[in-house]
Amino acid sequence: TSGGSGGAPGAVVDGCDAPSGDGTDVASTIDADETWTASGSPYRVTQNVYLTATLTLEPCTIVELSAGANIFVGNDPVAASIVAHGD
């Protein structure tokens, strides 16, 4: 996690509380619309994820990607999107 540009790992983004729960492990395929929330954070992406739906990130949501892990958005001809909401 990072407190914005140049933030130290584990830092809290302005106005957001540090995650207090267990977090959420992310599956390798997301093919139905999902909303990720601050209360479900951090979302751990440990392998490539293929997104063919809309992924909405609510304010203060933390997403952690392991080294080499990617989120691939869309798969022609299937469109997809990531929508991030801020405060």
C-alpha atoms as a PDB file:
ATOM      1  CA  THR A   1       0.000   0.000   0.000  1.00  0.00           C
ATOM      2  CA  SER A   2       1.119   3.525  -0.531  1.00  0.00           C
ATOM      3  CA  GLY A   3       0.172   6.943   0.734  1.00  0.00           C
ATOM      4  CA  GLY A   4      -0.084   8.437  -2.731  1.00  0.00           C
ATOM      5  CA  SER A   5       2.902   9.237  -4.900  1.00  0.00           C
ATOM      6  CA  GLY A   6       6.101   8.563  -3.040  1.00  0.00           C
ATOM      7  CA  GLY A   7       4.333   7.138   0.013  1.00  0.00           C
ATOM      8  CA  ALA A   8       6.024   4.519   2.129  1.00  0.00           C
ATOM      9  CA  PRO A   9       4.714   0.951   2.077  1.00  0.00           C
ATOM     10  CA  GLY A  10       2.004   0.557   4.692  1.00  0.00           C
ATOM     11  CA  ALA A  11       1.267   4.284   4.728  1.00  0.00           C
ATOM     12  CA  VAL A  12      -2.357   5.377   4.820  1.00  0.00           C
ATOM     13  CA  VAL A  13      -3.817   7.455   1.992  1.00  0.00           C
ATOM     14  CA  ASP A  14      -5.025  10.913   3.072  1.00  0.00           C
ATOM     15  CA  GLY A  15      -8.322  10.657   4.942  1.00  0.00           C
ATOM     16  CA  CYS A  16      -8.443   6.850   4.894  1.00  0.00           C
ATOM     17  CA  ASP A  17      -8.105   4.458   7.807  1.00  0.00           C
ATOM     18  CA  ALA A  18      -5.628   1.597   7.638  1.00  0.00           C
ATOM     19  CA  PRO A  19      -7.260  -1.741   6.756  1.00  0.00           C
ATOM     20  CA  SER A  20      -8.390  -3.611   9.857  1.00  0.00           C
ATOM     21  CA  GLY A  21      -9.775  -6.854   8.426  1.00  0.00           C
ATOM     22  CA  ASP A  22      -8.232  -9.970   6.927  1.00  0.00           C
ATOM     23  CA  GLY A  23      -8.337  -8.606   3.383  1.00  0.00           C
ATOM     24  CA  THR A  24      -9.512 -10.388   0.262  1.00  0.00           C
ATOM     25  CA  ASP A  25      -7.678 -12.766  -2.072  1.00  0.00           C
ATOM     26  CA  VAL A  26      -8.615 -12.162  -5.702  1.00  0.00           C
ATOM     27  CA  ALA A  27      -9.563 -14.961  -8.109  1.00  0.00           C
ATOM     28  CA  SER A  28      -7.904 -15.290 -11.502  1.00  0.00           C
ATOM     29  CA  THR A  29     -11.073 -14.394 -13.440  1.00  0.00           C
ATOM     30  CA  ILE A  30     -13.641 -11.676 -12.801  1.00  0.00           C
ATOM     31  CA  ASP A  31     -16.501 -12.131 -15.264  1.00  0.00           C
ATOM     32  CA  ALA A  32     -19.336 -10.449 -13.347  1.00  0.00           C
ATOM     33  CA  ASP A  33     -19.498  -6.855 -12.101  1.00  0.00           C
ATOM     34  CA  GLU A  34     -17.855  -6.411  -8.691  1.00  0.00           C
ATOM     35  CA  THR A  35     -17.321  -3.590  -6.227  1.00  0.00           C
ATOM     36  CA  TRP A  36     -14.245  -3.581  -4.028  1.00  0.00           C
ATOM     37  CA  THR A  37     -14.589  -1.685  -0.755  1.00  0.00           C
ATOM     38  CA  ALA A  38     -12.312  -0.231   1.902  1.00  0.00           C
ATOM     39  CA  SER A  39     -13.723  -2.729   4.417  1.00  0.00           C
ATOM     40  CA  GLY A  40     -12.628  -5.635   2.185  1.00  0.00           C
ATOM     41  CA  SER A  41      -9.111  -4.211   1.782  1.00  0.00           C
ATOM     42  CA  PRO A  42      -6.470  -5.021   1.068  1.00  0.00           C
ATOM     43  CA  TYR A  43      -7.354  -6.895  -2.127  1.00  0.00           C
ATOM     44  CA  ARG A  44      -4.419  -9.202  -2.897  1.00  0.00           C
ATOM     45  CA  VAL A  45      -3.716  -9.970  -6.557  1.00  0.00           C
ATOM     46  CA  THR A  46      -1.094 -12.740  -6.499  1.00  0.00           C
ATOM     47  CA  GLN A  47      -1.487 -13.970 -10.079  1.00  0.00           C
ATOM     48  CA  ASN A  48      -2.753 -12.593 -13.363  1.00  0.00           C
ATOM     49  CA  VAL A  49      -6.415 -11.591 -13.244  1.00  0.00           C
ATOM     50  CA  TYR A  50      -8.601 -11.460 -16.352  1.00  0.00           C
ATOM     51  CA  LEU A  51     -11.390  -8.893 -16.084  1.00  0.00           C
ATOM     52  CA  THR A  52     -14.340  -9.108 -18.491  1.00  0.00           C
ATOM     53  CA  ALA A  53     -16.807  -7.044 -16.448  1.00  0.00           C
ATOM     54  CA  THR A  54     -16.842  -3.745 -14.541  1.00  0.00           C
ATOM     55  CA  LEU A  55     -14.702  -3.543 -11.428  1.00  0.00           C
ATOM     56  CA  THR A  56     -15.617  -0.570  -9.221  1.00  0.00           C
ATOM     57  CA  LEU A  57     -13.188   0.617  -6.539  1.00  0.00           C
ATOM     58  CA  GLU A  58     -14.793   2.604  -3.730  1.00  0.00           C
ATOM     59  CA  PRO A  59     -12.847   5.382  -1.956  1.00  0.00           C
ATOM     60  CA  CYS A  60     -10.031   4.160   0.331  1.00  0.00           C
ATOM     61  CA  THR A  61      -9.899   0.701  -1.286  1.00  0.00           C
ATOM     62  CA  ILE A  62      -6.396  -0.768  -1.245  1.00  0.00           C
ATOM     63  CA  VAL A  63      -5.232  -3.134  -4.003  1.00  0.00           C
ATOM     64  CA  GLU A  64      -1.914  -4.977  -3.696  1.00  0.00           C
ATOM     65  CA  LEU A  65      -0.342  -6.633  -6.746  1.00  0.00           C
ATOM     66  CA  SER A  66       2.427  -9.196  -6.257  1.00  0.00           C
ATOM     67  CA  ALA A  67       5.508  -8.942  -8.432  1.00  0.00           C
ATOM     68  CA  GLY A  68       4.632 -10.185 -11.917  1.00  0.00           C
ATOM     69  CA  ALA A  69       0.859 -10.098 -11.326  1.00  0.00           C
ATOM     70  CA  ASN A  70      -1.293  -8.105 -13.751  1.00  0.00           C
ATOM     71  CA  ILE A  71      -4.938  -7.206 -14.206  1.00  0.00           C
ATOM     72  CA  PHE A  72      -5.902  -7.624 -17.860  1.00  0.00           C
ATOM     73  CA  VAL A  73      -8.960  -5.499 -18.687  1.00  0.00           C
ATOM     74  CA  GLY A  74     -11.205  -6.739 -21.494  1.00  0.00           C
ATOM     75  CA  ASN A  75     -10.781  -9.527 -23.988  1.00  0.00           C
ATOM     76  CA  ASP A  76     -11.725  -8.580 -27.539  1.00  0.00           C
ATOM     77  CA  PRO A  77     -14.627  -8.516 -28.287  1.00  0.00           C
ATOM     78  CA  VAL A  78     -15.661  -8.467 -24.589  1.00  0.00           C
ATOM     79  CA  ALA A  79     -15.280  -5.000 -23.093  1.00  0.00           C
ATOM     80  CA  ALA A  80     -14.443  -4.373 -19.434  1.00  0.00           C
ATOM     81  CA  SER A  81     -13.562  -1.432 -17.205  1.00  0.00           C
ATOM     82  CA  ILE A  82     -12.160  -0.345 -13.876  1.00  0.00           C
ATOM     83  CA  VAL A  83     -13.978   2.584 -12.263  1.00  0.00           C
ATOM     84  CA  ALA A  84     -12.258   4.223  -9.284  1.00  0.00           C
ATOM     85  CA  HIS A  85     -14.207   6.597  -7.065  1.00  0.00           C
ATOM     86  CA  GLY A  86     -12.367   9.138  -4.930  1.00  0.00           C
ATOM     87  CA  ASP A  87     -13.446  11.481  -2.208  1.00  0.00           C
END
